[in-house]
Amino acid sequence: MKVTGDQALVKKINKSLILHTIRKHPELSRARISEMTGLNKATVSNLVAELQEEQLVLEVGTGESSGGRKPLILHFHAMAGCVIGMELRVKQLTAVLCDLNGKVLHEAEAPLQQHDLPYVLENMKTMISGLIAKAPPTHYGVVGIGVGVPGMVDEDGVVLFAPNLAWEKVELRKLLEESFSIPVIIDNEANSGALGELNFGRGEDVRHLLYVSAGSGIGSGIIIGGELYKGSRGYAGETGHMCIEAEGTPCSCGSRGCWELYASEKAYDLAAVELPAYQTPELIRFAAEGNAAARQQFAVMGTYLGIGLTNLINGFNPELIVIGGPLSEARTWLEEQMQQVVARRTLPYHKQQLEIAFSTLGSRATMIGAGFSAAMHFLGHTRVMV
């Protein structure tokens, strides 16, 4: 019988549903998968058999039974392949090698001295090659590369505008795929961070989440109804360029008074007093040692962080806001002022059942989320728009 396009699509959707059900819920039987997905047992058995042939699902023993034959337990084969998740920061390049379920196997980082494309691209290639060389033997090998960048990215993996890198219309996906012949996913770093938190961090049971990445700039990944929201053209989340000072400091984006000038690492250049250091890790160390200027700087930034968060809370009404990125490591000195501003200025009903938390993934959220995007591309995560 000839399989129609519609039948093939339904099969693909059902197979994806089964695979991701097994991935998210370890140690399920075929009968339990049928109950959870609503698919009949024959469909589940046939598609599980295909997934086993593809080395994506394994039988790992028998489960408990109230009577009769004990069910065979299925497990997602996370080590069927590996992915690389990378974050391109303004002053640093970081990356992880993960299995298909986000477990970090190796990690790498290197400083960036400049932003010229040939220089950055060569550093990216060197780091990716190093991680590929460290990948353990698997059935599929390294199946994807995900990269989070601080800028606007289109669906073709073109970095349209990254003011902090002085990049415009850089075909980053094409350049990397030409070098490695491995599928590459490019996205905004805050979007990648949101996916990291949603799937492996504080957001695992949350439907409406804002992930705020604070580092060399500020960006937000927006999760609505459990899905990443990108806007009509894919550019949503540039909240760091939300104006909070009408006649404020000029910004590299062309506007002025942008939130990230006051609440990201850019605020170090606007400090009222001389700071003991102008890099976040060093400034955190000084704050931990009791340096008054370092602590005061973080307190001021915490106030401005709270002002921007208040605007996001009033506008989006999320269940959870997660603060991530390099500045999340300064939680001890940011949080009090930030929470005070939010408590004072947020609309009362918007504060109900709202949680503001710092990332449990820390500065790794974007890398892990970028790797997750690459893994989902390989695994064929099919969505249907109704």
Protein backbone atom coordinates (compact mmCIF):
# COMPACT_ATOMS: atom_id res chain seq x y z
CA MET A 1 0.00 0.00 0.00
CA LYS A 2 1.33 3.44 -0.89
CA VAL A 3 1.89 5.64 2.15
CA THR A 4 0.45 9.12 1.66
CA GLY A 5 2.14 12.28 2.83
CA ASP A 6 -0.41 12.66 5.61
CA GLN A 7 0.12 9.09 6.84
CA ALA A 8 3.89 9.54 6.79
CA LEU A 9 3.56 12.76 8.80
CA VAL A 10 1.29 11.10 11.37
CA LYS A 11 3.79 8.27 11.75
CA LYS A 12 6.64 10.75 12.21
CA ILE A 13 4.67 12.66 14.84
CA ASN A 14 3.75 9.49 16.72
CA LYS A 15 7.31 8.20 16.62
CA SER A 16 8.63 11.53 17.90
CA LEU A 17 6.01 11.53 20.66
CA ILE A 18 7.02 8.05 21.80
CA LEU A 19 10.74 8.83 21.70
CA HIS A 20 10.41 12.03 23.71
CA THR A 21 8.06 10.39 26.20
CA ILE A 22 10.72 7.74 26.84
CA ARG A 23 13.43 10.42 26.99
CA LYS A 24 11.59 12.48 29.60
CA HIS A 25 10.27 9.55 31.66
CA PRO A 26 12.92 6.87 32.18
CA GLU A 27 12.02 3.22 32.62
CA LEU A 28 8.62 2.97 30.95
CA SER A 29 6.92 -0.14 29.62
CA ARG A 30 5.18 -0.24 26.25
CA ALA A 31 1.81 -0.45 28.02
CA ARG A 32 2.59 2.65 30.09
CA ILE A 33 3.69 4.54 26.97
CA SER A 34 0.36 3.64 25.37
CA GLU A 35 -1.48 5.03 28.41
CA MET A 36 0.56 8.24 28.50
CA THR A 37 0.39 9.02 24.77
CA GLY A 38 -3.08 7.70 23.93
CA LEU A 39 -1.64 5.62 21.09
CA ASN A 40 -2.80 2.03 20.73
CA LYS A 41 -0.47 -0.75 21.87
CA ALA A 42 0.20 -2.07 18.36
CA THR A 43 1.34 1.37 17.17
CA VAL A 44 3.57 1.76 20.22
CA SER A 45 5.13 -1.69 19.74
CA ASN A 46 5.82 -1.14 16.04
CA LEU A 47 7.38 2.29 16.52
CA VAL A 48 9.40 1.21 19.56
CA ALA A 49 10.81 -1.61 17.42
CA GLU A 50 11.95 0.97 14.86
CA LEU A 51 13.53 3.10 17.58
CA GLN A 52 15.37 0.05 18.88
CA GLU A 53 16.71 -0.70 15.41
CA GLU A 54 17.91 2.91 15.25
CA GLN A 55 19.76 2.43 18.58
CA LEU A 56 17.75 5.25 20.20
CA VAL A 57 15.81 3.07 22.65
CA LEU A 58 17.11 0.15 24.72
CA GLU A 59 15.44 -2.58 26.76
CA VAL A 60 16.99 -2.47 30.24
CA GLY A 61 15.26 -5.29 32.11
CA THR A 62 11.83 -6.07 33.52
CA GLY A 63 9.51 -4.04 35.69
CA GLU A 64 7.05 -4.93 38.43
CA SER A 65 3.79 -6.68 37.59
CA SER A 66 0.58 -7.06 39.59
CA GLY A 67 0.04 -10.39 37.85
CA GLY A 68 1.11 -12.16 34.69
CA ARG A 69 4.21 -11.48 32.66
CA LYS A 70 6.57 -8.74 33.85
CA PRO A 71 6.80 -5.85 31.37
CA LEU A 72 10.03 -5.04 29.55
CA ILE A 73 11.37 -1.61 30.56
CA LEU A 74 12.54 0.87 27.91
CA HIS A 75 15.23 3.48 28.27
CA PHE A 76 16.35 6.36 26.04
CA HIS A 77 19.84 5.62 24.70
CA ALA A 78 21.44 8.97 25.47
CA MET A 79 24.87 7.72 24.41
CA ALA A 80 23.74 6.83 20.89
CA GLY A 81 25.48 10.05 19.87
CA CYS A 82 26.88 13.34 21.13
CA VAL A 83 26.26 17.04 20.51
CA ILE A 84 28.28 20.19 21.04
CA GLY A 85 26.74 23.25 22.66
CA MET A 86 28.65 26.52 22.36
CA GLU A 87 28.18 30.06 23.62
CA LEU A 88 29.84 32.96 21.86
CA ARG A 89 30.31 35.71 24.43
CA VAL A 90 31.83 39.13 23.93
CA LYS A 91 35.09 38.27 25.70
CA GLN A 92 35.00 34.50 25.85
CA LEU A 93 34.12 31.35 23.94
CA THR A 94 32.73 28.42 25.94
CA ALA A 95 31.47 25.00 24.85
CA VAL A 96 30.37 21.61 26.14
CA LEU A 97 30.25 18.12 24.66
CA CYS A 98 27.03 16.44 25.82
CA ASP A 99 25.20 13.18 25.32
CA LEU A 100 21.76 13.32 23.69
CA ASN A 101 20.11 14.00 27.05
CA GLY A 102 22.20 17.00 28.08
CA LYS A 103 24.77 15.30 30.31
CA VAL A 104 28.04 17.23 30.07
CA LEU A 105 30.95 14.97 29.08
CA HIS A 106 33.65 17.59 28.39
CA GLU A 107 33.90 21.37 28.69
CA ALA A 108 36.15 23.97 27.06
CA GLU A 109 36.68 27.72 27.23
CA ALA A 110 39.00 30.29 25.68
CA PRO A 111 39.31 34.10 25.81
CA LEU A 112 38.49 36.25 22.81
CA GLN A 113 40.81 39.18 22.22
CA GLN A 114 38.84 40.70 19.32
CA HIS A 115 35.65 40.26 17.30
CA ASP A 116 36.89 40.15 13.70
CA LEU A 117 35.01 37.30 12.03
CA PRO A 118 38.07 35.34 10.75
CA TYR A 119 39.62 35.41 14.23
CA VAL A 120 36.44 34.37 16.04
CA LEU A 121 35.61 31.70 13.46
CA GLU A 122 39.09 30.17 13.73
CA ASN A 123 38.76 30.01 17.53
CA MET A 124 35.34 28.39 17.21
CA LYS A 125 36.66 25.78 14.78
CA THR A 126 39.61 24.99 17.04
CA MET A 127 37.36 24.47 20.06
CA ILE A 128 34.82 22.38 18.14
CA SER A 129 37.58 20.21 16.66
CA GLY A 130 39.02 19.65 20.13
CA LEU A 131 35.67 18.50 21.50
CA ILE A 132 35.01 16.24 18.51
CA ALA A 133 38.37 14.60 19.18
CA LYS A 134 37.33 13.97 22.80
CA ALA A 135 33.96 12.44 21.89
CA PRO A 136 33.62 8.82 23.04
CA PRO A 137 32.80 6.11 20.47
CA THR A 138 29.03 6.08 19.83
CA HIS A 139 26.69 4.66 17.22
CA TYR A 140 26.11 8.01 15.47
CA GLY A 141 29.13 10.08 16.57
CA VAL A 142 28.78 13.87 16.93
CA VAL A 143 25.38 14.59 15.37
CA GLY A 144 24.98 18.33 15.80
CA ILE A 145 26.46 21.63 16.90
CA GLY A 146 24.38 24.31 18.62
CA VAL A 147 25.65 27.86 19.07
CA GLY A 148 24.14 30.66 21.16
CA VAL A 149 25.19 34.16 20.07
CA PRO A 150 24.51 37.61 21.59
CA GLY A 151 22.41 39.03 18.78
CA MET A 152 19.51 38.66 16.37
CA VAL A 153 19.53 35.43 14.35
CA ASP A 154 17.25 34.44 11.47
CA GLU A 155 15.92 30.96 10.67
CA ASP A 156 18.80 30.33 8.25
CA GLY A 157 21.40 30.75 10.99
CA VAL A 158 22.46 34.21 9.84
CA VAL A 159 23.52 36.57 12.62
CA LEU A 160 21.67 39.65 11.40
CA PHE A 161 22.78 42.11 14.07
CA ALA A 162 25.04 41.63 17.08
CA PRO A 163 25.99 45.13 18.27
CA ASN A 164 28.25 43.88 21.06
CA LEU A 165 30.32 42.01 18.45
CA ALA A 166 29.94 44.66 15.72
CA TRP A 167 28.56 41.91 13.44
CA GLU A 168 25.92 42.27 10.75
CA LYS A 169 24.60 39.58 8.38
CA VAL A 170 27.15 36.91 9.25
CA GLU A 171 26.26 33.51 7.73
CA LEU A 172 27.55 31.64 10.76
CA ARG A 173 25.66 28.38 10.24
CA LYS A 174 26.86 28.08 6.65
CA LEU A 175 30.47 28.80 7.62
CA LEU A 176 30.50 26.13 10.34
CA GLU A 177 28.65 23.50 8.31
CA GLU A 178 31.14 23.94 5.47
CA SER A 179 33.97 23.20 7.91
CA PHE A 180 32.51 20.22 9.75
CA SER A 181 29.74 18.70 7.58
CA ILE A 182 27.64 18.40 10.74
CA PRO A 183 24.21 20.07 11.14
CA VAL A 184 24.53 23.41 12.95
CA ILE A 185 21.81 25.29 14.84
CA ILE A 186 22.40 29.00 15.55
CA ASP A 187 20.16 30.92 17.95
CA ASN A 188 20.18 33.90 20.24
CA GLU A 189 22.04 33.03 23.44
CA ALA A 190 19.09 33.89 25.70
CA ASN A 191 16.79 31.60 23.71
CA SER A 192 19.32 28.80 24.14
CA GLY A 193 19.54 29.57 27.85
CA ALA A 194 15.76 29.42 28.18
CA LEU A 195 15.73 25.97 26.57
CA GLY A 196 18.48 24.87 28.94
CA GLU A 197 16.48 25.99 31.98
CA LEU A 198 13.19 24.60 30.64
CA ASN A 199 14.59 21.14 30.05
CA PHE A 200 17.39 20.74 32.59
CA GLY A 201 17.09 23.53 35.16
CA ARG A 202 14.50 25.26 37.31
CA GLY A 203 11.89 25.42 34.55
CA GLU A 204 11.23 21.70 34.04
CA ASP A 205 7.64 21.87 35.35
CA VAL A 206 6.87 25.45 34.24
CA ARG A 207 4.71 26.59 31.31
CA HIS A 208 5.38 30.36 31.40
CA LEU A 209 9.01 31.27 31.95
CA LEU A 210 11.33 34.20 31.32
CA TYR A 211 15.04 33.46 31.25
CA VAL A 212 17.10 36.64 31.65
CA SER A 213 20.71 36.26 30.56
CA ALA A 214 22.91 38.90 32.19
CA GLY A 215 26.53 39.22 31.18
CA SER A 216 28.17 41.49 28.62
CA GLY A 217 24.61 42.53 27.73
CA ILE A 218 21.09 41.41 28.62
CA GLY A 219 18.72 39.26 26.61
CA SER A 220 15.62 37.27 27.48
CA GLY A 221 14.38 33.88 26.36
CA ILE A 222 10.58 33.77 26.50
CA ILE A 223 8.71 30.52 27.13
CA ILE A 224 4.92 30.74 26.66
CA GLY A 225 2.78 27.65 27.09
CA GLY A 226 5.88 25.48 27.31
CA GLU A 227 7.22 26.65 23.92
CA LEU A 228 9.94 29.12 23.01
CA TYR A 229 8.39 32.35 21.73
CA LYS A 230 10.41 34.13 19.05
CA GLY A 231 7.98 36.72 17.69
CA SER A 232 6.75 37.23 14.12
CA ARG A 233 10.24 37.28 12.57
CA GLY A 234 12.21 35.44 15.25
CA TYR A 235 13.72 38.47 16.96
CA ALA A 236 11.82 38.57 20.27
CA GLY A 237 13.70 38.83 23.54
CA GLU A 238 16.02 41.81 22.97
CA THR A 239 14.96 43.17 26.36
CA GLY A 240 18.42 44.57 27.09
CA HIS A 241 17.52 47.33 24.65
CA MET A 242 14.36 48.25 26.52
CA CYS A 243 14.73 51.94 27.42
CA ILE A 244 14.70 52.63 31.17
CA GLU A 245 16.31 56.12 31.07
CA ALA A 246 14.77 58.51 28.54
CA GLU A 247 17.89 60.67 28.24
CA GLY A 248 20.34 58.01 29.34
CA THR A 249 23.72 56.90 28.07
CA PRO A 250 23.99 56.22 24.30
CA CYS A 251 23.99 52.51 23.42
CA SER A 252 25.79 50.62 20.65
CA CYS A 253 22.36 49.67 19.23
CA GLY A 254 21.78 53.31 18.27
CA SER A 255 19.32 54.13 21.05
CA ARG A 256 20.07 55.43 24.54
CA GLY A 257 19.18 54.57 28.12
CA CYS A 258 19.00 50.83 27.38
CA TRP A 259 18.52 48.45 30.33
CA GLU A 260 21.76 46.56 29.69
CA LEU A 261 23.84 49.72 30.09
CA TYR A 262 22.85 49.80 33.77
CA ALA A 263 22.32 46.14 34.72
CA SER A 264 24.94 44.18 32.74
CA GLU A 265 28.74 44.20 32.71
CA LYS A 266 28.52 47.40 30.66
CA ALA A 267 27.57 49.15 33.91
CA TYR A 268 31.18 48.82 35.12
CA ASP A 269 32.11 51.63 32.73
CA LEU A 270 29.46 53.87 34.35
CA ALA A 271 30.51 53.19 37.94
CA ALA A 272 30.43 56.23 40.24
CA VAL A 273 33.69 55.15 41.90
CA GLU A 274 36.81 53.39 40.70
CA LEU A 275 36.34 49.63 40.86
CA PRO A 276 39.02 47.17 41.97
CA ALA A 277 38.37 45.09 38.82
CA TYR A 278 36.34 45.33 35.61
CA GLN A 279 35.79 41.63 34.91
CA THR A 280 32.92 39.86 36.68
CA PRO A 281 34.87 36.89 38.16
CA GLU A 282 37.48 39.23 39.65
CA LEU A 283 34.86 41.70 40.91
CA ILE A 284 32.98 38.83 42.58
CA ARG A 285 36.20 37.80 44.30
CA PHE A 286 36.70 41.33 45.63
CA ALA A 287 33.09 41.47 46.82
CA ALA A 288 33.53 38.15 48.63
CA GLU A 289 36.59 39.60 50.38
CA GLY A 290 34.51 42.55 51.60
CA ASN A 291 35.54 45.27 49.13
CA ALA A 292 33.02 48.10 49.56
CA ALA A 293 33.24 49.44 45.99
CA ALA A 294 32.61 46.00 44.47
CA ARG A 295 29.64 45.35 46.74
CA GLN A 296 28.18 48.80 46.08
CA GLN A 297 28.50 48.31 42.33
CA PHE A 298 26.59 45.04 42.46
CA ALA A 299 23.93 46.64 44.68
CA VAL A 300 23.38 49.45 42.15
CA MET A 301 23.19 46.91 39.32
CA GLY A 302 20.72 44.86 41.39
CA THR A 303 18.47 47.92 41.62
CA TYR A 304 18.50 48.40 37.85
CA LEU A 305 18.05 44.68 37.31
CA GLY A 306 14.89 44.91 39.43
CA ILE A 307 13.58 47.86 37.40
CA GLY A 308 13.85 45.92 34.15
CA LEU A 309 12.39 42.77 35.69
CA THR A 310 9.40 44.77 36.93
CA ASN A 311 8.65 45.82 33.35
CA LEU A 312 8.90 42.21 32.17
CA ILE A 313 6.69 40.92 34.99
CA ASN A 314 4.01 43.53 34.34
CA GLY A 315 4.16 42.84 30.60
CA PHE A 316 4.34 39.03 30.51
CA ASN A 317 2.91 37.79 33.83
CA PRO A 318 5.25 34.75 34.03
CA GLU A 319 5.23 31.96 36.61
CA LEU A 320 9.00 31.98 36.90
CA ILE A 321 11.88 34.27 36.05
CA VAL A 322 15.34 32.74 36.00
CA ILE A 323 18.43 34.95 36.11
CA GLY A 324 21.34 33.33 34.30
CA GLY A 325 24.58 34.20 32.57
CA PRO A 326 27.90 35.28 34.13
CA LEU A 327 26.30 37.86 36.43
CA SER A 328 24.13 35.20 38.07
CA GLU A 329 27.31 34.21 39.94
CA ALA A 330 27.03 37.56 41.79
CA ARG A 331 23.66 36.60 43.29
CA THR A 332 24.82 37.26 46.87
CA TRP A 333 25.20 40.99 46.20
CA LEU A 334 22.56 41.51 43.48
CA GLU A 335 19.53 39.76 44.92
CA GLU A 336 18.49 41.90 47.88
CA GLN A 337 18.23 45.17 45.94
CA MET A 338 16.67 43.42 42.95
CA GLN A 339 13.95 41.77 45.05
CA GLN A 340 13.20 45.00 46.92
CA VAL A 341 12.58 46.90 43.68
CA VAL A 342 10.37 44.13 42.28
CA ALA A 343 8.36 43.95 45.52
CA ARG A 344 7.80 47.73 45.53
CA ARG A 345 7.05 48.34 41.86
CA THR A 346 5.35 45.25 40.43
CA LEU A 347 1.56 45.25 40.07
CA PRO A 348 0.03 43.32 42.99
CA TYR A 349 -1.75 40.58 41.04
CA HIS A 350 1.33 39.95 38.91
CA LYS A 351 3.33 39.13 42.04
CA GLN A 352 0.99 36.34 43.07
CA GLN A 353 2.54 32.88 42.57
CA LEU A 354 5.58 34.46 40.91
CA GLU A 355 9.03 33.04 41.60
CA ILE A 356 12.29 34.80 40.76
CA ALA A 357 15.28 32.49 40.95
CA PHE A 358 18.91 32.36 39.93
CA SER A 359 19.92 29.64 37.50
CA THR A 360 21.01 26.28 38.90
CA LEU A 361 22.93 25.86 35.63
CA GLY A 362 24.78 29.13 36.19
CA SER A 363 26.72 30.30 33.17
CA ARG A 364 26.30 26.89 31.46
CA ALA A 365 22.59 27.29 30.64
CA THR A 366 23.17 28.66 27.13
CA MET A 367 25.71 25.98 26.18
CA ILE A 368 23.48 23.18 27.46
CA GLY A 369 20.42 24.68 25.76
CA ALA A 370 22.31 25.07 22.47
CA GLY A 371 23.34 21.43 22.69
CA PHE A 372 19.73 20.49 23.41
CA SER A 373 18.60 22.27 20.22
CA ALA A 374 21.16 20.29 18.22
CA ALA A 375 20.01 17.03 19.82
CA MET A 376 16.34 17.79 19.11
CA HIS A 377 17.18 18.54 15.49
CA PHE A 378 18.84 15.13 15.21
CA LEU A 379 16.02 13.33 17.00
CA GLY A 380 13.40 14.94 14.76
CA HIS A 381 11.34 16.78 17.34
CA THR A 382 8.15 17.31 15.28
CA ARG A 383 5.64 19.98 16.21
CA VAL A 384 2.17 20.37 14.70
CA MET A 385 0.56 23.80 14.50
CA VAL A 386 -3.23 23.64 14.93
